[in-house]
């Protein structure tokens, strides 16, 4: 009986808009950094920036 309802309640695949771009690490939608193919939110970028080769200047 459950499969009948699950078939009609699946989320729609987005082709455009805000909800299409998500963070690879935490799946957050807001604060997305797409530059250089990073696909991270700004919070995750701050956490792992030095590990992926970015340098922080004062």
PDB file of N, CA and C in Angstrom:
ATOM      1  N   UNK A   1       0.815  -1.194   0.000  1.00  0.00           N
ATOM      2  CA  UNK A   1       0.000   0.000   0.000  1.00  0.00           C
ATOM      3  C   UNK A   1       0.863   1.265   0.000  1.00  0.00           C
ATOM      4  N   UNK A   2       2.014   1.220   0.675  1.00  0.00           N
ATOM      5  CA  UNK A   2       2.882   2.395   0.728  1.00  0.00           C
ATOM      6  C   UNK A   2       3.481   2.756  -0.623  1.00  0.00           C
ATOM      7  N   UNK A   3       3.797   1.755  -1.432  1.00  0.00           N
ATOM      8  CA  UNK A   3       4.438   2.045  -2.720  1.00  0.00           C
ATOM      9  C   UNK A   3       3.544   2.871  -3.627  1.00  0.00           C
ATOM     10  N   UNK A   4       2.255   2.738  -3.472  1.00  0.00           N
ATOM     11  CA  UNK A   4       1.314   3.520  -4.279  1.00  0.00           C
ATOM     12  C   UNK A   4       1.492   5.016  -4.021  1.00  0.00           C
ATOM     13  N   UNK A   5       1.702   5.392  -2.767  1.00  0.00           N
ATOM     14  CA  UNK A   5       1.833   6.805  -2.417  1.00  0.00           C
ATOM     15  C   UNK A   5       3.242   7.333  -2.664  1.00  0.00           C
ATOM     16  N   UNK A   6       4.251   6.485  -2.510  1.00  0.00           N
ATOM     17  CA  UNK A   6       5.622   6.928  -2.726  1.00  0.00           C
ATOM     18  C   UNK A   6       5.881   7.288  -4.184  1.00  0.00           C
ATOM     19  N   UNK A   7       5.219   6.612  -5.083  1.00  0.00           N
ATOM     20  CA  UNK A   7       5.413   6.873  -6.504  1.00  0.00           C
ATOM     21  C   UNK A   7       4.990   8.294  -6.875  1.00  0.00           C
ATOM     22  N   UNK A   8       3.948   8.791  -6.264  1.00  0.00           N
ATOM     23  CA  UNK A   8       3.418  10.111  -6.606  1.00  0.00           C
ATOM     24  C   UNK A   8       3.997  11.236  -5.753  1.00  0.00           C
ATOM     25  N   UNK A   9       4.772  10.914  -4.723  1.00  0.00           N
ATOM     26  CA  UNK A   9       5.304  11.935  -3.829  1.00  0.00           C
ATOM     27  C   UNK A   9       6.808  12.149  -3.973  1.00  0.00           C
ATOM     28  N   UNK A  10       7.415  11.655  -5.026  1.00  0.00           N
ATOM     29  CA  UNK A  10       8.850  11.864  -5.203  1.00  0.00           C
ATOM     30  C   UNK A  10       9.115  13.318  -5.561  1.00  0.00           C
ATOM     31  N   UNK A  11      10.225  13.890  -5.090  1.00  0.00           N
ATOM     32  CA  UNK A  11      10.520  15.284  -5.409  1.00  0.00           C
ATOM     33  C   UNK A  11      10.806  15.465  -6.893  1.00  0.00           C
ATOM     34  N   UNK A  12      10.382  16.577  -7.402  1.00  0.00           N
ATOM     35  CA  UNK A  12      10.552  16.899  -8.815  1.00  0.00           C
ATOM     36  C   UNK A  12      12.023  17.213  -9.104  1.00  0.00           C
ATOM     37  N   UNK A  13      12.552  16.697 -10.197  1.00  0.00           N
ATOM     38  CA  UNK A  13      13.917  17.011 -10.598  1.00  0.00           C
ATOM     39  C   UNK A  13      13.960  18.433 -11.125  1.00  0.00           C
ATOM     40  N   UNK A  14      14.826  19.254 -10.556  1.00  0.00           N
ATOM     41  CA  UNK A  14      14.915  20.664 -10.928  1.00  0.00           C
ATOM     42  C   UNK A  14      15.886  20.853 -12.081  1.00  0.00           C
ATOM     43  N   UNK A  15      15.507  21.683 -13.047  1.00  0.00           N
ATOM     44  CA  UNK A  15      16.381  21.987 -14.174  1.00  0.00           C
ATOM     45  C   UNK A  15      17.034  23.346 -14.021  1.00  0.00           C
ATOM     46  N   UNK A  16      16.382  24.267 -13.310  1.00  0.00           N
ATOM     47  CA  UNK A  16      16.926  25.603 -13.087  1.00  0.00           C
ATOM     48  C   UNK A  16      16.582  26.046 -11.675  1.00  0.00           C
ATOM     49  N   UNK A  17      17.183  27.152 -11.260  1.00  0.00           N
ATOM     50  CA  UNK A  17      16.815  27.754  -9.989  1.00  0.00           C
ATOM     51  C   UNK A  17      17.783  27.473  -8.862  1.00  0.00           C
ATOM     52  N   UNK A  18      17.426  28.029  -7.702  1.00  0.00           N
ATOM     53  CA  UNK A  18      18.263  27.934  -6.508  1.00  0.00           C
ATOM     54  C   UNK A  18      18.429  26.506  -6.003  1.00  0.00           C
ATOM     55  N   UNK A  19      17.363  25.745  -6.034  1.00  0.00           N
ATOM     56  CA  UNK A  19      17.372  24.408  -5.435  1.00  0.00           C
ATOM     57  C   UNK A  19      18.205  23.407  -6.224  1.00  0.00           C
ATOM     58  N   UNK A  20      18.679  23.785  -7.388  1.00  0.00           N
ATOM     59  CA  UNK A  20      19.474  22.862  -8.194  1.00  0.00           C
ATOM     60  C   UNK A  20      20.902  22.756  -7.684  1.00  0.00           C
ATOM     61  N   UNK A  21      21.462  23.864  -7.226  1.00  0.00           N
ATOM     62  CA  UNK A  21      22.845  23.870  -6.753  1.00  0.00           C
ATOM     63  C   UNK A  21      22.875  23.581  -5.261  1.00  0.00           C
ATOM     64  N   UNK A  22      23.548  22.512  -4.899  1.00  0.00           N
ATOM     65  CA  UNK A  22      23.657  22.131  -3.495  1.00  0.00           C
ATOM     66  C   UNK A  22      25.110  21.866  -3.156  1.00  0.00           C
ATOM     67  N   UNK A  23      25.396  21.984  -1.876  1.00  0.00           N
ATOM     68  CA  UNK A  23      26.740  21.690  -1.383  1.00  0.00           C
ATOM     69  C   UNK A  23      26.983  20.179  -1.474  1.00  0.00           C
ATOM     70  N   UNK A  24      28.165  19.790  -1.938  1.00  0.00           N
ATOM     71  CA  UNK A  24      28.504  18.368  -2.029  1.00  0.00           C
ATOM     72  C   UNK A  24      28.666  17.730  -0.665  1.00  0.00           C
ATOM     73  N   UNK A  25      29.078  18.526   0.291  1.00  0.00           N
ATOM     74  CA  UNK A  25      29.439  18.004   1.609  1.00  0.00           C
ATOM     75  C   UNK A  25      28.243  17.914   2.560  1.00  0.00           C
ATOM     76  N   UNK A  26      27.442  18.989   2.652  1.00  0.00           N
ATOM     77  CA  UNK A  26      26.349  19.003   3.635  1.00  0.00           C
ATOM     78  C   UNK A  26      24.968  19.157   2.990  1.00  0.00           C
ATOM     79  N   UNK A  27      24.904  19.282   1.665  1.00  0.00           N
ATOM     80  CA  UNK A  27      23.657  19.404   0.899  1.00  0.00           C
ATOM     81  C   UNK A  27      22.871  20.678   1.183  1.00  0.00           C
ATOM     82  N   UNK A  28      23.538  21.702   1.682  1.00  0.00           N
ATOM     83  CA  UNK A  28      22.894  22.992   1.934  1.00  0.00           C
ATOM     84  C   UNK A  28      22.692  23.727   0.606  1.00  0.00           C
ATOM     85  N   UNK A  29      21.627  24.505   0.508  1.00  0.00           N
ATOM     86  CA  UNK A  29      21.319  25.226  -0.728  1.00  0.00           C
ATOM     87  C   UNK A  29      21.939  26.618  -0.731  1.00  0.00           C
ATOM     88  N   UNK A  30      21.919  27.325   0.390  1.00  0.00           N
ATOM     89  CA  UNK A  30      22.372  28.712   0.439  1.00  0.00           C
ATOM     90  C   UNK A  30      23.877  28.860   0.523  1.00  0.00           C
ATOM     91  N   UNK A  31      24.387  30.010   0.090  1.00  0.00           N
ATOM     92  CA  UNK A  31      25.813  30.332   0.190  1.00  0.00           C
ATOM     93  C   UNK A  31      26.688  29.452  -0.675  1.00  0.00           C
ATOM     94  N   UNK A  32      26.230  29.142  -1.860  1.00  0.00           N
ATOM     95  CA  UNK A  32      26.899  28.176  -2.734  1.00  0.00           C
ATOM     96  C   UNK A  32      28.076  28.801  -3.478  1.00  0.00           C
ATOM     97  N   UNK A  33      29.230  28.120  -3.465  1.00  0.00           N
ATOM     98  CA  UNK A  33      30.415  28.551  -4.214  1.00  0.00           C
ATOM     99  C   UNK A  33      30.603  27.577  -5.370  1.00  0.00           C
ATOM    100  N   UNK A  34      30.357  28.072  -6.573  1.00  0.00           N
ATOM    101  CA  UNK A  34      30.414  27.240  -7.768  1.00  0.00           C
ATOM    102  C   UNK A  34      31.731  27.423  -8.516  1.00  0.00           C
ATOM    103  N   UNK A  35      32.478  28.464  -8.166  1.00  0.00           N
ATOM    104  CA  UNK A  35      33.695  28.806  -8.887  1.00  0.00           C
ATOM    105  C   UNK A  35      34.725  27.682  -8.782  1.00  0.00           C
ATOM    106  N   UNK A  36      35.454  27.454  -9.871  1.00  0.00           N
ATOM    107  CA  UNK A  36      36.460  26.396  -9.989  1.00  0.00           C
ATOM    108  C   UNK A  36      35.859  24.999  -9.828  1.00  0.00           C
ATOM    109  N   UNK A  37      34.561  24.860  -9.969  1.00  0.00           N
ATOM    110  CA  UNK A  37      33.916  23.557  -9.843  1.00  0.00           C
ATOM    111  C   UNK A  37      33.900  23.012  -8.431  1.00  0.00           C
ATOM    112  N   UNK A  38      33.903  23.901  -7.434  1.00  0.00           N
ATOM    113  CA  UNK A  38      33.947  23.459  -6.037  1.00  0.00           C
ATOM    114  C   UNK A  38      32.622  22.856  -5.576  1.00  0.00           C
ATOM    115  N   UNK A  39      31.520  23.520  -5.855  1.00  0.00           N
ATOM    116  CA  UNK A  39      30.182  23.086  -5.440  1.00  0.00           C
ATOM    117  C   UNK A  39      30.103  22.859  -3.928  1.00  0.00           C
ATOM    118  N   UNK A  40      30.550  23.861  -3.173  1.00  0.00           N
ATOM    119  CA  UNK A  40      30.501  23.813  -1.710  1.00  0.00           C
ATOM    120  C   UNK A  40      29.774  25.040  -1.194  1.00  0.00           C
ATOM    121  N   UNK A  41      29.182  24.933  -0.018  1.00  0.00           N
ATOM    122  CA  UNK A  41      28.630  26.126   0.618  1.00  0.00           C
ATOM    123  C   UNK A  41      29.785  26.863   1.296  1.00  0.00           C
ATOM    124  N   UNK A  42      29.568  28.097   1.673  1.00  0.00           N
ATOM    125  CA  UNK A  42      30.661  28.908   2.215  1.00  0.00           C
ATOM    126  C   UNK A  42      31.171  28.367   3.547  1.00  0.00           C
ATOM    127  N   UNK A  43      30.305  27.757   4.343  1.00  0.00           N
ATOM    128  CA  UNK A  43      30.728  27.211   5.631  1.00  0.00           C
ATOM    129  C   UNK A  43      31.647  25.998   5.442  1.00  0.00           C
ATOM    130  N   UNK A  44      31.286  25.108   4.530  1.00  0.00           N
ATOM    131  CA  UNK A  44      32.129  23.935   4.260  1.00  0.00           C
ATOM    132  C   UNK A  44      33.434  24.352   3.607  1.00  0.00           C
ATOM    133  N   UNK A  45      33.388  25.386   2.770  1.00  0.00           N
ATOM    134  CA  UNK A  45      34.612  25.867   2.137  1.00  0.00           C
ATOM    135  C   UNK A  45      35.594  26.368   3.179  1.00  0.00           C
ATOM    136  N   UNK A  46      35.115  27.097   4.172  1.00  0.00           N
ATOM    137  CA  UNK A  46      35.996  27.595   5.235  1.00  0.00           C
ATOM    138  C   UNK A  46      36.624  26.441   6.016  1.00  0.00           C
ATOM    139  N   UNK A  47      35.876  25.369   6.199  1.00  0.00           N
ATOM    140  CA  UNK A  47      36.388  24.215   6.941  1.00  0.00           C
ATOM    141  C   UNK A  47      37.518  23.500   6.204  1.00  0.00           C
ATOM    142  N   UNK A  48      37.388  23.343   4.896  1.00  0.00           N
ATOM    143  CA  UNK A  48      38.342  22.497   4.172  1.00  0.00           C
ATOM    144  C   UNK A  48      39.208  23.250   3.167  1.00  0.00           C
ATOM    145  N   UNK A  49      39.203  24.571   3.195  1.00  0.00           N
ATOM    146  CA  UNK A  49      39.946  25.359   2.198  1.00  0.00           C
ATOM    147  C   UNK A  49      41.440  25.050   2.214  1.00  0.00           C
ATOM    148  N   UNK A  50      42.042  24.957   3.377  1.00  0.00           N
ATOM    149  CA  UNK A  50      43.484  24.693   3.440  1.00  0.00           C
ATOM    150  C   UNK A  50      43.811  23.270   2.989  1.00  0.00           C
ATOM    151  N   UNK A  51      42.914  22.333   3.210  1.00  0.00           N
ATOM    152  CA  UNK A  51      43.148  20.941   2.806  1.00  0.00           C
ATOM    153  C   UNK A  51      43.129  20.774   1.293  1.00  0.00           C
ATOM    154  N   UNK A  52      42.347  21.620   0.610  1.00  0.00           N
ATOM    155  CA  UNK A  52      42.259  21.490  -0.848  1.00  0.00           C
ATOM    156  C   UNK A  52      43.191  22.450  -1.576  1.00  0.00           C
ATOM    157  N   UNK A  53      44.054  23.153  -0.830  1.00  0.00           N
ATOM    158  CA  UNK A  53      45.117  23.920  -1.458  1.00  0.00           C
ATOM    159  C   UNK A  53      44.965  25.422  -1.492  1.00  0.00           C
ATOM    160  N   UNK A  54      43.960  25.980  -0.861  1.00  0.00           N
ATOM    161  CA  UNK A  54      43.809  27.431  -0.809  1.00  0.00           C
ATOM    162  C   UNK A  54      44.607  27.977   0.365  1.00  0.00           C
ATOM    163  N   UNK A  55      45.200  29.147   0.180  1.00  0.00           N
ATOM    164  CA  UNK A  55      45.978  29.778   1.240  1.00  0.00           C
ATOM    165  C   UNK A  55      45.202  30.952   1.805  1.00  0.00           C
ATOM    166  N   UNK A  56      45.287  31.132   3.113  1.00  0.00           N
ATOM    167  CA  UNK A  56      44.601  32.239   3.769  1.00  0.00           C
ATOM    168  C   UNK A  56      45.603  33.344   4.058  1.00  0.00           C
ATOM    169  N   UNK A  57      45.310  34.519   3.552  1.00  0.00           N
ATOM    170  CA  UNK A  57      46.145  35.689   3.806  1.00  0.00           C
ATOM    171  C   UNK A  57      45.452  36.564   4.831  1.00  0.00           C
ATOM    172  N   UNK A  58      46.236  37.307   5.593  1.00  0.00           N
ATOM    173  CA  UNK A  58      45.674  38.142   6.651  1.00  0.00           C
ATOM    174  C   UNK A  58      44.785  39.200   6.044  1.00  0.00           C
TER     175      UNK A  58
END
